[in-house]
Amino acid sequence: MEVLYEISTEVPRALSDDDWHFYLNLQDIREEQQIRHNRGEMVYAPGFHTYFDIRGQYFRRTKQSVAIIDSCAKSFMSSHDIAFMSGEEDCGHDIYKHFHSMLGFVKGNENPSIDGYLLLPDIATLNIWSQIQRLHDANWFSRCPFPVSIVNLLADDRLARYIKRYWLFLCGPKRVHGGEDEDDFSQLYNELDAYSDSGSERSNSDSSTSEEEGFTPHPFIPTISSRSIRDNLNKDVRDVLFDIDVKLFEMRKCNLEEVVYISGSAPRLLDGPLTNYKAVVICTSYDFQPWSSSLSAARADRLTPFRIPLDRYVKWERGQKVMPVDVTANIIRTVYSNDGDWKSAILENVPEYHFTKDRPTSKRHERSAINIERLNRLKALEEAMLEMDRRRIDALEKSKPRKAFANEQPGSRKRIYEHRYSREERRARTGSQKPS
């Protein structure tokens, strides 16, 4: 079994008594395939299911909006298991009509089964795209920048729309291409193809979509390629490579000990200085499901995965330990520049939210100092407005005495006497009444 495990990672390391009894009593491999087929699994074998790698823009054009089913669903989706926003359910029939030349014939009126369990929701793609943009911003303003390469990127119309919207370092802000057709990605495809065809970084003299639209990207933007990791790796340059596709490729041009693969669920810890490594691979797949985790991708490519030593240097209180791409890259950059100081790198880049316990919910009668200060300012403002209204009323109605304030006690103010005649009139009246 050790020899078989070197050939394929699907071979289990250990078998129970029931497993040994099952495999030893098998007469033919087709019997096992029939058992798996009866359990409802996808069996890629003659007479069961035929595998066709239908991906990218061709598959997306058939159905643009796909609603992902519950995460507890099976690892395959038949034609009636895929739910669409438009209300249609016969995905297999539509795929068959669109790819009838590839799928051949279907027995009777049955729809072909579509294995779509690797379709991720749009929110996952948007998070990854925004994380790469934040990574570029942090790398640009860093004193120790790394050359960044985005590899295994197979762009289609759906992904190109997100690239045009979120990757400002490549396409510029929205005001640059606001007047053009949003569904026209021909120039963007040409630029991505230019990245893939050229083995080196893009030069300033190359034709660019952004340059034609009035935006010129700087030369230190990430290198984008649809090729594998080994084709983009340079021994003399330390690269941070992002694996967009879950399927990795065997690296033959460099020693595997010089490549470190970051996975949040890896059993080994990455500790000490990183000067001995030539490349750091950060996979952008989901680490919440076994079939899409970065640990499974690393094992499929025969790479040794490592995880960030969070528990060794800090006390993790709350939140998930799967860090975003930009946070992980910032930690690696800080550790590389500080000669292996992991504690300061983690405390500097990881949000403080994960290191503090949940604050108890304050009761209604308990108010913070900020709320008390705010209430005092609002009370003072209300009193000033009331005083201003009273003065305005007194100016308009001089004949009527002003009423006492609500907080004043009766008798505290002196009584004001008003004379019917003025002093001169009273004196003249008094002098005329005196006897001569």
Protein backbone atom coordinates (compact mmCIF):
# COMPACT_ATOMS: atom_id res chain seq x y z
CA MET A 1 0.00 0.00 0.00
CA GLU A 2 2.93 2.35 0.54
CA VAL A 3 3.97 1.81 -3.08
CA LEU A 4 0.43 2.45 -4.28
CA TYR A 5 0.21 5.59 -2.16
CA GLU A 6 3.26 6.98 -3.95
CA ILE A 7 1.37 6.56 -7.21
CA SER A 8 -1.97 7.99 -6.11
CA THR A 9 -3.10 9.84 -3.00
CA GLU A 10 -6.57 8.30 -3.26
CA VAL A 11 -5.30 5.03 -1.81
CA PRO A 12 -6.15 4.90 1.93
CA ARG A 13 -3.34 4.52 4.45
CA ALA A 14 -5.26 2.08 6.66
CA LEU A 15 -8.23 -0.26 6.11
CA SER A 16 -10.70 -1.64 8.59
CA ASP A 17 -11.71 -5.33 8.72
CA ASP A 18 -14.88 -4.63 6.76
CA ASP A 19 -12.90 -2.79 4.08
CA TRP A 20 -10.45 -5.67 3.75
CA HIS A 21 -13.32 -8.14 3.48
CA PHE A 22 -15.01 -5.98 0.85
CA TYR A 23 -11.95 -5.51 -1.37
CA LEU A 24 -10.74 -9.11 -1.08
CA ASN A 25 -14.13 -10.47 -2.16
CA LEU A 26 -14.37 -8.27 -5.24
CA GLN A 27 -14.39 -10.32 -8.42
CA ASP A 28 -14.17 -7.44 -10.87
CA ILE A 29 -13.56 -3.69 -10.77
CA ARG A 30 -16.90 -3.22 -12.49
CA GLU A 31 -18.59 -4.66 -9.43
CA GLU A 32 -17.17 -1.86 -7.29
CA GLN A 33 -18.22 0.69 -9.91
CA GLN A 34 -21.73 -0.70 -9.89
CA ILE A 35 -21.88 -0.48 -6.10
CA ARG A 36 -20.74 3.15 -6.19
CA HIS A 37 -23.24 3.90 -8.93
CA ASN A 38 -26.06 2.36 -6.88
CA ARG A 39 -25.08 4.58 -3.95
CA GLY A 40 -25.62 7.63 -6.16
CA GLU A 41 -21.99 8.55 -6.75
CA MET A 42 -20.46 9.77 -9.99
CA VAL A 43 -18.57 6.87 -11.59
CA TYR A 44 -16.38 7.99 -14.48
CA ALA A 45 -16.08 4.70 -16.33
CA PRO A 46 -17.37 3.15 -19.58
CA GLY A 47 -21.07 2.46 -19.25
CA PHE A 48 -21.58 4.86 -16.33
CA HIS A 49 -20.50 8.47 -16.73
CA THR A 50 -18.21 10.13 -19.26
CA TYR A 51 -16.02 12.97 -18.05
CA PHE A 52 -15.98 16.18 -20.11
CA ASP A 53 -14.08 19.18 -18.78
CA ILE A 54 -16.65 21.88 -19.60
CA ARG A 55 -15.53 25.02 -17.86
CA GLY A 56 -15.09 28.73 -18.33
CA GLN A 57 -17.12 31.02 -20.54
CA TYR A 58 -18.79 28.20 -22.51
CA PHE A 59 -20.43 26.76 -19.42
CA ARG A 60 -21.28 30.20 -18.01
CA ARG A 61 -22.92 31.36 -21.20
CA THR A 62 -25.37 28.47 -21.03
CA LYS A 63 -26.61 29.53 -17.61
CA GLN A 64 -25.43 32.82 -16.13
CA SER A 65 -27.14 32.71 -12.74
CA VAL A 66 -26.74 29.53 -10.71
CA ALA A 67 -27.94 29.29 -7.12
CA ILE A 68 -25.72 27.07 -5.01
CA ILE A 69 -27.57 24.37 -3.07
CA ASP A 70 -27.09 23.68 0.60
CA SER A 71 -23.54 22.78 1.59
CA CYS A 72 -24.77 19.46 2.96
CA ALA A 73 -25.75 18.30 -0.51
CA LYS A 74 -24.05 15.39 -2.21
CA SER A 75 -20.82 15.71 -4.12
CA PHE A 76 -22.65 15.61 -7.42
CA MET A 77 -25.71 17.34 -8.82
CA SER A 78 -28.02 15.74 -11.32
CA SER A 79 -30.15 17.63 -13.80
CA HIS A 80 -32.88 18.15 -11.17
CA ASP A 81 -30.53 19.01 -8.31
CA ILE A 82 -29.31 22.33 -9.74
CA ALA A 83 -31.61 25.26 -8.97
CA PHE A 84 -31.63 28.34 -11.18
CA MET A 85 -32.72 31.84 -10.40
CA SER A 86 -34.87 31.85 -13.53
CA GLY A 87 -36.86 28.86 -12.30
CA GLU A 88 -35.54 26.34 -14.85
CA GLU A 89 -34.43 22.94 -13.61
CA ASP A 90 -33.41 20.98 -16.70
CA CYS A 91 -29.77 22.06 -16.70
CA GLY A 92 -28.66 18.73 -18.12
CA HIS A 93 -30.96 19.06 -21.11
CA ASP A 94 -29.68 22.57 -21.88
CA ILE A 95 -26.07 21.45 -21.52
CA TYR A 96 -26.80 18.52 -23.80
CA LYS A 97 -28.30 20.76 -26.48
CA HIS A 98 -25.35 23.15 -26.27
CA PHE A 99 -22.67 20.42 -26.25
CA HIS A 100 -24.45 17.69 -28.22
CA SER A 101 -21.41 17.17 -30.41
CA MET A 102 -19.28 16.44 -27.34
CA LEU A 103 -21.74 14.46 -25.26
CA GLY A 104 -22.70 12.17 -28.14
CA PHE A 105 -26.00 10.45 -27.55
CA VAL A 106 -28.19 10.01 -24.47
CA LYS A 107 -30.13 6.85 -23.74
CA GLY A 108 -33.83 7.49 -24.23
CA ASN A 109 -35.06 10.83 -22.94
CA GLU A 110 -32.75 10.95 -19.94
CA ASN A 111 -30.78 14.11 -19.21
CA PRO A 112 -27.06 13.76 -18.59
CA SER A 113 -25.82 14.16 -15.02
CA ILE A 114 -23.78 17.29 -14.42
CA ASP A 115 -21.03 17.13 -11.80
CA GLY A 116 -21.11 20.76 -10.64
CA TYR A 117 -19.96 20.48 -7.05
CA LEU A 118 -16.94 22.76 -7.64
CA LEU A 119 -19.16 25.71 -8.54
CA LEU A 120 -18.61 28.28 -5.84
CA PRO A 121 -21.01 31.12 -5.00
CA ASP A 122 -20.34 34.56 -6.39
CA ILE A 123 -19.60 35.97 -2.95
CA ALA A 124 -16.53 33.72 -2.70
CA THR A 125 -15.17 35.02 -6.01
CA LEU A 126 -15.83 38.62 -5.03
CA ASN A 127 -14.00 38.15 -1.73
CA ILE A 128 -10.96 36.68 -3.46
CA TRP A 129 -10.88 39.45 -6.08
CA SER A 130 -11.09 42.19 -3.47
CA GLN A 131 -8.43 40.49 -1.33
CA ILE A 132 -6.00 40.46 -4.26
CA GLN A 133 -6.65 44.18 -4.85
CA ARG A 134 -5.94 44.90 -1.16
CA LEU A 135 -2.82 42.77 -1.38
CA HIS A 136 -1.58 44.84 -4.32
CA ASP A 137 -2.20 48.08 -2.42
CA ALA A 138 -0.31 46.84 0.64
CA ASN A 139 2.51 45.48 -1.49
CA TRP A 140 2.84 48.77 -3.38
CA PHE A 141 3.23 50.88 -0.21
CA SER A 142 5.46 48.35 1.56
CA ARG A 143 9.17 48.97 2.06
CA CYS A 144 9.85 45.31 1.24
CA PRO A 145 7.61 44.55 -1.76
CA PHE A 146 7.44 41.10 -3.33
CA PRO A 147 6.82 40.26 -6.99
CA VAL A 148 3.32 38.79 -7.07
CA SER A 149 2.11 36.27 -9.64
CA ILE A 150 -1.50 35.17 -10.16
CA VAL A 151 -1.38 31.78 -11.86
CA ASN A 152 -3.88 29.16 -13.03
CA LEU A 153 -6.36 31.91 -13.89
CA LEU A 154 -8.79 30.71 -16.57
CA ALA A 155 -10.90 33.79 -17.16
CA ASP A 156 -14.35 33.69 -18.71
CA ASP A 157 -17.00 36.37 -19.21
CA ARG A 158 -18.18 36.07 -15.64
CA LEU A 159 -14.70 36.36 -14.12
CA ALA A 160 -13.69 39.07 -16.60
CA ARG A 161 -16.58 41.22 -15.41
CA TYR A 162 -15.32 40.95 -11.84
CA ILE A 163 -11.74 41.63 -12.94
CA LYS A 164 -12.84 44.79 -14.70
CA ARG A 165 -14.74 45.94 -11.62
CA TYR A 166 -12.38 45.03 -8.75
CA TRP A 167 -8.82 44.90 -10.12
CA LEU A 168 -8.12 48.60 -10.36
CA PHE A 169 -4.40 48.01 -10.77
CA LEU A 170 -5.06 46.37 -14.14
CA CYS A 171 -8.09 48.16 -15.60
CA GLY A 172 -8.10 51.45 -13.72
CA PRO A 173 -11.06 53.12 -11.99
CA LYS A 174 -14.59 52.89 -13.29
CA ARG A 175 -14.61 56.44 -14.67
CA VAL A 176 -11.91 55.42 -17.19
CA HIS A 177 -14.11 52.83 -18.96
CA GLY A 178 -17.53 54.12 -17.95
CA GLY A 179 -18.73 54.83 -21.50
CA GLU A 180 -17.91 51.49 -23.09
CA ASP A 181 -19.90 48.30 -23.26
CA GLU A 182 -19.76 46.42 -19.94
CA ASP A 183 -20.07 43.03 -21.66
CA ASP A 184 -17.19 43.61 -24.11
CA PHE A 185 -14.14 41.81 -22.73
CA SER A 186 -12.21 41.25 -25.97
CA GLN A 187 -9.45 43.71 -25.10
CA LEU A 188 -9.16 42.33 -21.59
CA TYR A 189 -8.79 38.79 -22.98
CA ASN A 190 -6.05 40.00 -25.32
CA GLU A 191 -4.18 41.49 -22.42
CA LEU A 192 -4.50 38.34 -20.32
CA ASP A 193 -3.34 36.26 -23.30
CA ALA A 194 -0.33 38.54 -23.64
CA TYR A 195 0.55 37.79 -20.02
CA SER A 196 0.24 34.06 -20.64
CA ASP A 197 2.25 34.03 -23.85
CA SER A 198 5.14 36.08 -22.50
CA GLY A 199 7.33 34.36 -19.98
CA SER A 200 8.63 37.58 -18.45
CA GLU A 201 6.94 40.54 -16.89
CA ARG A 202 5.04 42.95 -18.98
CA SER A 203 6.97 45.89 -20.35
CA ASN A 204 5.75 49.45 -20.67
CA SER A 205 5.80 49.25 -24.45
CA ASP A 206 3.25 46.42 -24.61
CA SER A 207 -0.25 47.20 -25.78
CA SER A 208 -2.70 47.44 -22.93
CA THR A 209 -6.41 47.76 -22.57
CA SER A 210 -6.02 50.39 -19.92
CA GLU A 211 -3.55 52.44 -21.96
CA GLU A 212 -6.00 52.67 -24.84
CA GLU A 213 -8.65 53.92 -22.44
CA GLY A 214 -6.48 56.61 -20.87
CA PHE A 215 -5.14 54.62 -17.89
CA THR A 216 -1.51 53.44 -17.75
CA PRO A 217 -0.79 50.85 -15.03
CA HIS A 218 2.57 51.00 -13.31
CA PRO A 219 5.10 48.26 -14.14
CA PHE A 220 5.00 46.62 -10.70
CA ILE A 221 1.53 45.11 -11.00
CA PRO A 222 1.00 41.37 -10.41
CA THR A 223 1.85 39.04 -13.27
CA ILE A 224 -1.33 37.31 -14.45
CA SER A 225 -1.09 33.98 -16.24
CA SER A 226 -3.20 30.93 -17.00
CA ARG A 227 -0.16 28.68 -16.82
CA SER A 228 0.79 26.51 -13.87
CA ILE A 229 2.98 27.36 -10.91
CA ARG A 230 6.13 25.72 -12.22
CA ASP A 231 5.96 27.74 -15.44
CA ASN A 232 5.84 31.02 -13.51
CA LEU A 233 8.40 30.20 -10.86
CA ASN A 234 11.84 31.78 -10.98
CA LYS A 235 14.60 30.46 -8.76
CA ASP A 236 16.29 33.82 -8.40
CA VAL A 237 13.20 35.75 -7.38
CA ARG A 238 11.04 35.15 -4.31
CA ASP A 239 7.46 35.10 -5.55
CA VAL A 240 4.14 34.96 -3.81
CA LEU A 241 2.07 32.78 -6.14
CA PHE A 242 -1.71 32.56 -5.94
CA ASP A 243 -3.31 29.38 -7.18
CA ILE A 244 -6.70 30.42 -8.59
CA ASP A 245 -7.60 26.89 -9.69
CA VAL A 246 -7.92 24.09 -7.18
CA LYS A 247 -6.03 21.74 -9.48
CA LEU A 248 -2.31 22.25 -9.06
CA PHE A 249 0.51 21.00 -11.23
CA GLU A 250 3.67 19.16 -10.44
CA MET A 251 6.65 21.45 -9.97
CA ARG A 252 9.64 19.96 -11.77
CA LYS A 253 11.93 22.96 -12.27
CA CYS A 254 12.69 23.59 -8.59
CA ASN A 255 13.31 21.71 -5.41
CA LEU A 256 10.14 21.12 -3.41
CA GLU A 257 11.98 22.06 -0.21
CA GLU A 258 12.27 25.62 -1.56
CA VAL A 259 8.50 26.05 -1.90
CA VAL A 260 6.22 26.58 1.08
CA TYR A 261 2.48 25.97 0.70
CA ILE A 262 0.23 27.83 3.15
CA SER A 263 -2.88 26.00 4.34
CA GLY A 264 -5.03 26.84 7.35
CA SER A 265 -5.69 23.15 8.13
CA ALA A 266 -2.15 21.82 7.67
CA PRO A 267 -0.73 19.69 10.51
CA ARG A 268 2.75 21.25 10.32
CA LEU A 269 3.65 24.69 11.63
CA LEU A 270 5.71 27.17 9.65
CA ASP A 271 8.19 28.67 12.10
CA GLY A 272 11.53 30.42 11.99
CA PRO A 273 13.02 32.60 9.23
CA LEU A 274 11.86 32.24 5.63
CA THR A 275 15.10 33.07 3.87
CA ASN A 276 15.57 29.49 2.68
CA TYR A 277 12.34 29.46 0.67
CA LYS A 278 12.15 30.64 -2.91
CA ALA A 279 8.38 30.84 -3.26
CA VAL A 280 5.29 30.98 -1.11
CA VAL A 281 2.06 29.52 -2.51
CA ILE A 282 -1.25 30.74 -1.12
CA CYS A 283 -4.26 28.86 -2.46
CA THR A 284 -7.48 30.84 -2.81
CA SER A 285 -9.83 27.87 -2.54
CA TYR A 286 -12.43 27.34 0.17
CA ASP A 287 -11.00 25.91 3.39
CA PHE A 288 -14.44 25.14 4.78
CA GLN A 289 -15.14 22.02 2.68
CA PRO A 290 -12.85 18.96 2.32
CA TRP A 291 -13.24 18.77 -1.46
CA SER A 292 -12.19 22.40 -1.98
CA SER A 293 -9.66 22.94 0.79
CA SER A 294 -6.12 24.10 0.18
CA LEU A 295 -4.86 21.07 2.12
CA SER A 296 -6.39 18.70 -0.43
CA ALA A 297 -4.90 20.73 -3.27
CA ALA A 298 -1.44 20.62 -1.71
CA ARG A 299 -1.59 16.86 -1.24
CA ALA A 300 -2.71 16.36 -4.82
CA ASP A 301 0.36 18.23 -6.03
CA ARG A 302 2.72 16.41 -3.65
CA LEU A 303 3.57 19.61 -1.78
CA THR A 304 4.10 19.81 1.96
CA PRO A 305 1.52 22.20 3.43
CA PHE A 306 2.24 24.44 6.41
CA ARG A 307 0.05 26.67 8.51
CA ILE A 308 0.73 30.00 10.19
CA PRO A 309 1.79 29.44 13.86
CA LEU A 310 -1.03 31.45 15.38
CA ASP A 311 -1.54 29.29 18.49
CA ARG A 312 2.16 29.30 19.32
CA TYR A 313 2.62 33.06 19.57
CA VAL A 314 -0.81 34.56 20.35
CA LYS A 315 -3.88 33.59 22.33
CA TRP A 316 -6.72 33.24 19.85
CA GLU A 317 -10.02 34.18 21.45
CA ARG A 318 -12.65 34.26 18.69
CA GLY A 319 -13.14 34.11 14.93
CA GLN A 320 -11.96 31.69 12.29
CA LYS A 321 -8.26 31.02 11.80
CA VAL A 322 -8.51 31.01 8.00
CA MET A 323 -6.98 34.36 7.16
CA PRO A 324 -7.69 36.27 3.93
CA VAL A 325 -5.11 36.26 1.17
CA ASP A 326 -3.89 39.81 1.82
CA VAL A 327 -3.51 39.24 5.58
CA THR A 328 -1.55 36.01 5.03
CA ALA A 329 0.75 37.68 2.49
CA ASN A 330 1.34 40.63 4.83
CA ILE A 331 2.35 38.23 7.63
CA ILE A 332 4.79 36.43 5.32
CA ARG A 333 6.28 39.73 4.14
CA THR A 334 6.72 41.02 7.70
CA VAL A 335 8.34 37.77 8.87
CA TYR A 336 10.73 37.79 5.92
CA SER A 337 11.84 41.37 6.60
CA ASN A 338 12.09 40.90 10.42
CA ASP A 339 14.22 37.70 10.29
CA GLY A 340 11.56 35.33 11.57
CA ASP A 341 9.77 37.45 14.19
CA TRP A 342 6.38 35.75 13.93
CA LYS A 343 4.80 37.24 17.05
CA SER A 344 5.21 40.86 16.00
CA ALA A 345 4.15 40.01 12.44
CA ILE A 346 0.92 38.35 13.63
CA LEU A 347 0.07 41.12 16.07
CA GLU A 348 0.74 43.76 13.43
CA ASN A 349 -1.33 42.29 10.59
CA VAL A 350 -4.10 40.21 12.19
CA PRO A 351 -7.09 42.29 13.38
CA GLU A 352 -7.23 42.82 17.14
CA TYR A 353 -10.77 41.50 17.10
CA HIS A 354 -9.43 37.91 17.22
CA PHE A 355 -7.34 38.52 20.36
CA THR A 356 -10.06 39.96 22.61
CA LYS A 357 -12.95 38.18 24.24
CA ASP A 358 -16.55 38.99 23.53
CA ARG A 359 -17.58 42.13 25.39
CA PRO A 360 -20.62 41.57 27.65
CA THR A 361 -23.75 43.31 26.49
CA SER A 362 -24.32 46.42 28.64
CA LYS A 363 -27.64 46.78 30.41
CA ARG A 364 -30.09 49.50 29.55
CA HIS A 365 -29.37 51.59 32.64
CA GLU A 366 -25.60 51.32 32.09
CA ARG A 367 -24.31 53.92 29.65
CA SER A 368 -20.83 54.52 28.42
CA ALA A 369 -19.01 57.81 28.80
CA ILE A 370 -19.49 58.62 25.12
CA ASN A 371 -23.26 58.22 25.32
CA ILE A 372 -23.43 60.32 28.50
CA GLU A 373 -21.41 63.13 26.88
CA ARG A 374 -23.65 62.99 23.82
CA LEU A 375 -26.80 63.25 25.93
CA ASN A 376 -25.38 66.20 27.87
CA ARG A 377 -24.61 68.05 24.65
CA LEU A 378 -28.09 67.42 23.31
CA LYS A 379 -29.63 68.69 26.58
CA ALA A 380 -27.53 71.87 26.50
CA LEU A 381 -28.52 72.46 22.88
CA GLU A 382 -32.22 72.07 23.68
CA GLU A 383 -31.98 74.55 26.57
CA ALA A 384 -30.22 77.09 24.34
CA MET A 385 -32.91 76.76 21.69
CA LEU A 386 -35.67 77.24 24.30
CA GLU A 387 -33.95 80.34 25.64
CA MET A 388 -33.67 81.77 22.15
CA ASP A 389 -37.39 81.18 21.56
CA ARG A 390 -38.29 82.94 24.82
CA ARG A 391 -36.25 86.00 23.91
CA ARG A 392 -37.86 86.18 20.51
CA ILE A 393 -41.32 86.04 22.04
CA ASP A 394 -40.41 88.77 24.55
CA ALA A 395 -39.22 91.02 21.73
CA LEU A 396 -42.51 90.66 19.89
CA GLU A 397 -44.77 91.00 22.95
CA LYS A 398 -43.31 93.73 25.13
CA SER A 399 -46.60 94.57 26.79
CA LYS A 400 -47.04 91.13 28.33
CA PRO A 401 -44.79 90.03 31.13
CA ARG A 402 -42.63 87.07 30.45
CA LYS A 403 -43.65 83.92 32.20
CA ALA A 404 -41.32 82.38 34.68
CA PHE A 405 -39.09 79.54 33.67
CA ALA A 406 -40.25 76.06 34.39
CA ASN A 407 -37.38 75.41 36.79
CA GLU A 408 -37.76 78.70 38.68
CA GLN A 409 -39.54 78.82 42.01
CA PRO A 410 -42.41 81.30 42.51
CA GLY A 411 -41.41 84.53 44.25
CA SER A 412 -37.74 84.30 43.28
CA ARG A 413 -38.08 87.05 40.62
CA LYS A 414 -38.93 90.69 41.54
CA ARG A 415 -42.23 92.09 40.44
CA ILE A 416 -41.97 94.66 37.63
CA TYR A 417 -44.26 97.68 37.87
CA GLU A 418 -45.25 99.49 34.69
CA HIS A 419 -46.45 103.17 34.76
CA ARG A 420 -49.27 104.31 32.59
CA TYR A 421 -47.61 107.70 31.92
CA SER A 422 -43.99 108.66 31.59
CA ARG A 423 -42.02 110.57 34.20
CA GLU A 424 -42.27 113.91 32.37
CA GLU A 425 -46.00 113.54 31.97
CA ARG A 426 -46.42 112.74 35.64
CA ARG A 427 -44.31 115.73 36.71
CA ALA A 428 -46.20 118.09 34.41
CA ARG A 429 -49.51 116.79 35.74
CA THR A 430 -48.38 117.16 39.35
CA GLY A 431 -47.09 120.76 38.77
CA SER A 432 -50.32 121.88 37.17
CA GLN A 433 -52.34 120.67 40.14
CA LYS A 434 -50.33 122.76 42.69
CA PRO A 435 -52.07 125.97 43.90
CA SER A 436 -50.64 129.19 42.56
